[in-house]
Protein backbone atom coordinates (compact mmCIF):
# COMPACT_ATOMS: atom_id res chain seq x y z
CA UNK A 1 135.04 51.23 34.58
CA UNK A 2 132.86 48.85 36.33
CA UNK A 3 129.44 49.98 37.63
CA UNK A 4 128.64 48.84 41.15
CA UNK A 5 125.47 46.99 41.72
CA UNK A 6 122.69 49.29 42.95
CA UNK A 7 120.86 48.73 46.19
CA UNK A 8 117.44 50.00 47.30
CA UNK A 9 114.30 50.84 45.41
CA UNK A 10 114.06 52.06 41.89
CA UNK A 11 111.98 55.09 41.14
CA UNK A 12 109.25 52.89 39.65
CA UNK A 13 109.09 50.68 42.76
CA UNK A 14 108.90 53.75 44.99
CA UNK A 15 106.03 55.19 42.94
CA UNK A 16 104.08 51.90 43.11
CA UNK A 17 104.59 51.71 46.90
CA UNK A 18 103.37 55.30 47.32
CA UNK A 19 100.30 54.62 45.17
CA UNK A 20 99.38 51.53 47.20
CA UNK A 21 99.89 53.46 50.46
CA UNK A 22 97.75 56.33 49.17
CA UNK A 23 94.90 53.88 48.56
CA UNK A 24 95.24 51.92 51.84
CA UNK A 25 95.87 54.76 54.29
CA UNK A 26 92.46 56.49 53.95
CA UNK A 27 90.72 53.13 54.31
CA UNK A 28 92.61 52.37 57.50
CA UNK A 29 91.90 55.87 58.81
CA UNK A 30 88.17 55.35 58.21
CA UNK A 31 88.10 51.94 59.93
CA UNK A 32 90.17 52.92 62.99
CA UNK A 33 87.60 55.28 64.62
CA UNK A 34 84.85 52.71 63.98
CA UNK A 35 86.89 49.98 65.67
CA UNK A 36 87.70 52.27 68.59
CA UNK A 37 84.00 53.08 69.05
CA UNK A 38 83.05 49.40 68.90
CA UNK A 39 85.67 48.46 71.50
CA UNK A 40 84.45 51.29 73.74
CA UNK A 41 80.79 50.20 73.41
CA UNK A 42 81.65 46.57 74.11
CA UNK A 43 83.58 47.63 77.22
CA UNK A 44 80.56 49.62 78.41
CA UNK A 45 78.26 46.67 77.67
CA UNK A 46 80.53 44.40 79.72
CA UNK A 47 80.52 46.87 82.63
CA UNK A 48 76.72 47.04 82.54
CA UNK A 49 76.57 43.24 82.35
CA UNK A 50 78.84 42.97 85.42
CA UNK A 51 76.72 45.49 87.34
CA UNK A 52 73.40 43.75 86.58
CA UNK A 53 74.77 40.27 87.35
CA UNK A 54 76.27 41.49 90.63
CA UNK A 55 72.86 42.87 91.63
CA UNK A 56 71.11 39.64 90.57
CA UNK A 57 73.60 37.52 92.55
CA UNK A 58 73.16 39.75 95.62
CA UNK A 59 69.37 39.38 95.52
CA UNK A 60 69.80 35.66 94.85
CA UNK A 61 72.04 35.21 97.89
CA UNK A 62 69.38 36.79 100.09
CA UNK A 63 66.75 34.45 98.62
CA UNK A 64 68.98 31.46 99.39
CA UNK A 65 69.21 32.57 103.03
CA UNK A 66 65.47 33.32 103.33
CA UNK A 67 63.60 31.13 105.79
CA UNK A 68 66.58 30.07 107.88
CA UNK A 69 65.59 29.89 111.54
CA UNK A 70 67.48 28.48 114.52
CA UNK A 71 64.29 28.04 116.56
CA UNK A 72 60.63 29.05 116.20
CA UNK A 73 60.21 31.95 113.80
CA UNK A 74 56.78 33.40 113.08
CA UNK A 75 55.68 34.94 109.80
CA UNK A 76 56.31 34.42 106.15
CA UNK A 77 59.97 34.25 105.08
CA UNK A 78 59.29 35.78 101.64
CA UNK A 79 57.13 38.77 100.72
CA UNK A 80 56.79 39.27 96.95
CA UNK A 81 55.20 42.22 95.23
CA UNK A 82 55.71 43.50 91.66
CA UNK A 83 59.10 45.23 91.64
CA UNK A 84 59.80 44.37 95.27
CA UNK A 85 61.08 41.51 97.44
CA UNK A 86 61.39 41.28 101.24
CA UNK A 87 62.95 38.19 102.82
CA UNK A 88 63.51 37.16 106.43
CA UNK A 89 66.06 34.88 108.03
CA UNK A 90 67.57 34.39 111.44
CA UNK A 91 70.77 36.32 110.73
CA UNK A 92 72.06 36.15 114.31
CA UNK A 93 70.86 32.56 115.04
CA UNK A 94 68.72 33.84 117.93
CA UNK A 95 65.79 31.58 117.05
CA UNK A 96 63.49 34.41 115.92
CA UNK A 97 63.12 37.02 113.25
CA UNK A 98 63.52 40.33 115.11
CA UNK A 99 62.12 43.51 113.61
CA UNK A 100 63.13 47.14 114.06
CA UNK A 101 64.17 48.67 116.41
CA UNK A 102 66.18 45.49 117.11
CA UNK A 103 69.94 45.78 116.86
CA UNK A 104 69.98 43.31 113.97
CA UNK A 105 66.65 43.12 112.16
CA UNK A 106 66.09 39.94 110.13
CA UNK A 107 64.29 41.51 107.16
CA UNK A 108 66.11 42.38 103.95
CA UNK A 109 64.35 44.07 101.05
CA UNK A 110 64.97 45.06 97.46
CA UNK A 111 62.77 47.23 95.25
CA UNK A 112 62.90 49.28 92.09
CA UNK A 113 62.16 52.97 92.58
CA UNK A 114 62.81 55.74 90.06
CA UNK A 115 65.09 53.61 87.83
CA UNK A 116 67.26 52.66 90.81
CA UNK A 117 67.46 49.46 92.79
CA UNK A 118 67.04 50.13 96.49
CA UNK A 119 67.63 48.02 99.58
CA UNK A 120 66.29 48.13 103.10
CA UNK A 121 66.98 46.32 106.35
CA UNK A 122 64.15 45.89 108.82
CA UNK A 123 61.25 46.77 106.50
CA UNK A 124 58.33 44.34 106.58
CA UNK A 125 56.84 45.59 103.31
CA UNK A 126 57.77 47.59 100.23
CA UNK A 127 56.35 50.98 101.21
CA UNK A 128 57.62 51.53 104.75
CA UNK A 129 61.03 51.74 106.32
CA UNK A 130 64.25 53.33 105.20
CA UNK A 131 65.29 52.49 101.67
CA UNK A 132 68.60 53.45 100.08
CA UNK A 133 69.92 53.14 96.54
CA UNK A 134 72.43 50.43 95.74
CA UNK A 135 72.86 51.55 92.13
CA UNK A 136 74.44 54.78 90.97
CA UNK A 137 71.61 56.71 89.25
CA UNK A 138 74.10 58.77 87.24
CA UNK A 139 75.73 55.68 85.75
CA UNK A 140 73.06 52.99 85.32
CA UNK A 141 69.27 53.06 85.11
CA UNK A 142 67.44 49.93 86.26
CA UNK A 143 64.27 49.67 84.20
CA UNK A 144 62.99 46.28 85.32
CA UNK A 145 63.21 44.24 88.53
CA UNK A 146 61.03 41.25 89.29
CA UNK A 147 61.31 38.11 91.35
CA UNK A 148 59.06 35.21 90.39
CA UNK A 149 58.64 32.02 92.41
CA UNK A 150 57.66 28.50 91.45
CA UNK A 151 55.48 26.03 93.32
CA UNK A 152 57.97 23.19 93.17
CA UNK A 153 59.79 21.87 96.23
CA UNK A 154 62.28 23.33 96.98
CA UNK A 155 61.08 26.67 95.64
CA UNK A 156 62.91 28.11 92.66
CA UNK A 157 63.00 31.88 92.19
CA UNK A 158 63.88 33.82 89.07
CA UNK A 159 65.46 37.23 89.55
CA UNK A 160 65.03 39.38 86.45
CA UNK A 161 66.83 42.71 86.00
CA UNK A 162 67.12 45.07 83.03
CA UNK A 163 68.87 48.39 82.66
CA UNK A 164 70.82 50.76 80.47
CA UNK A 165 73.73 53.17 80.78
CA UNK A 166 72.65 56.76 81.41
CA UNK A 167 75.27 58.27 79.10
CA UNK A 168 74.61 55.71 76.36
CA UNK A 169 70.95 54.64 76.45
CA UNK A 170 71.50 52.40 73.44
CA UNK A 171 73.68 50.16 75.67
CA UNK A 172 71.02 48.12 77.45
CA UNK A 173 70.89 44.58 78.85
CA UNK A 174 68.72 42.22 80.82
CA UNK A 175 69.71 39.27 83.03
CA UNK A 176 67.79 36.34 84.48
CA UNK A 177 69.14 34.48 87.51
CA UNK A 178 67.56 31.33 88.95
CA UNK A 179 67.95 30.57 92.66
CA UNK A 180 66.79 27.68 94.85
CA UNK A 181 65.30 28.60 98.24
CA UNK A 182 66.49 25.60 100.27
CA UNK A 183 65.46 27.07 103.64
CA UNK A 184 61.89 27.78 102.59
CA UNK A 185 59.08 25.53 103.81
């Protein structure tokens, strides 16, 4: 009687495979939650990065428009104060910088208040007028907002923002955006 050739694993091979699996599986199970946490934190960091850059670009776009006038406009196009910026430009090409209660005031402001970035339209300074938040205070806390200008021609401004996620304070970032004010005298 002829014995057919066996197929599959022998008992010894099966025992070796189980031993290797028993060693590797706990290691993989320990690494997997760590990797998941790291991916989650990096996603949150990217979302915070996007939020801060969007705010910096928004402020930068207003700085780029500051000083535009289709006529004779009186006053300073840029008002800087620590934690606050107010700019003016002729948004309706009327040849002047109208103020409130005009239908379209030409002043646009940004300030930090209570860990939120706020904006205003029609305010001539940082204390008066109606200011509203443009950041969600339950999601992100803005801890730093400054705009610095240079004396070169044309003027270069640096918008600096820093913040952290409310739910994860260890996820914090800062951004620095440089903008040229071509319309400024």
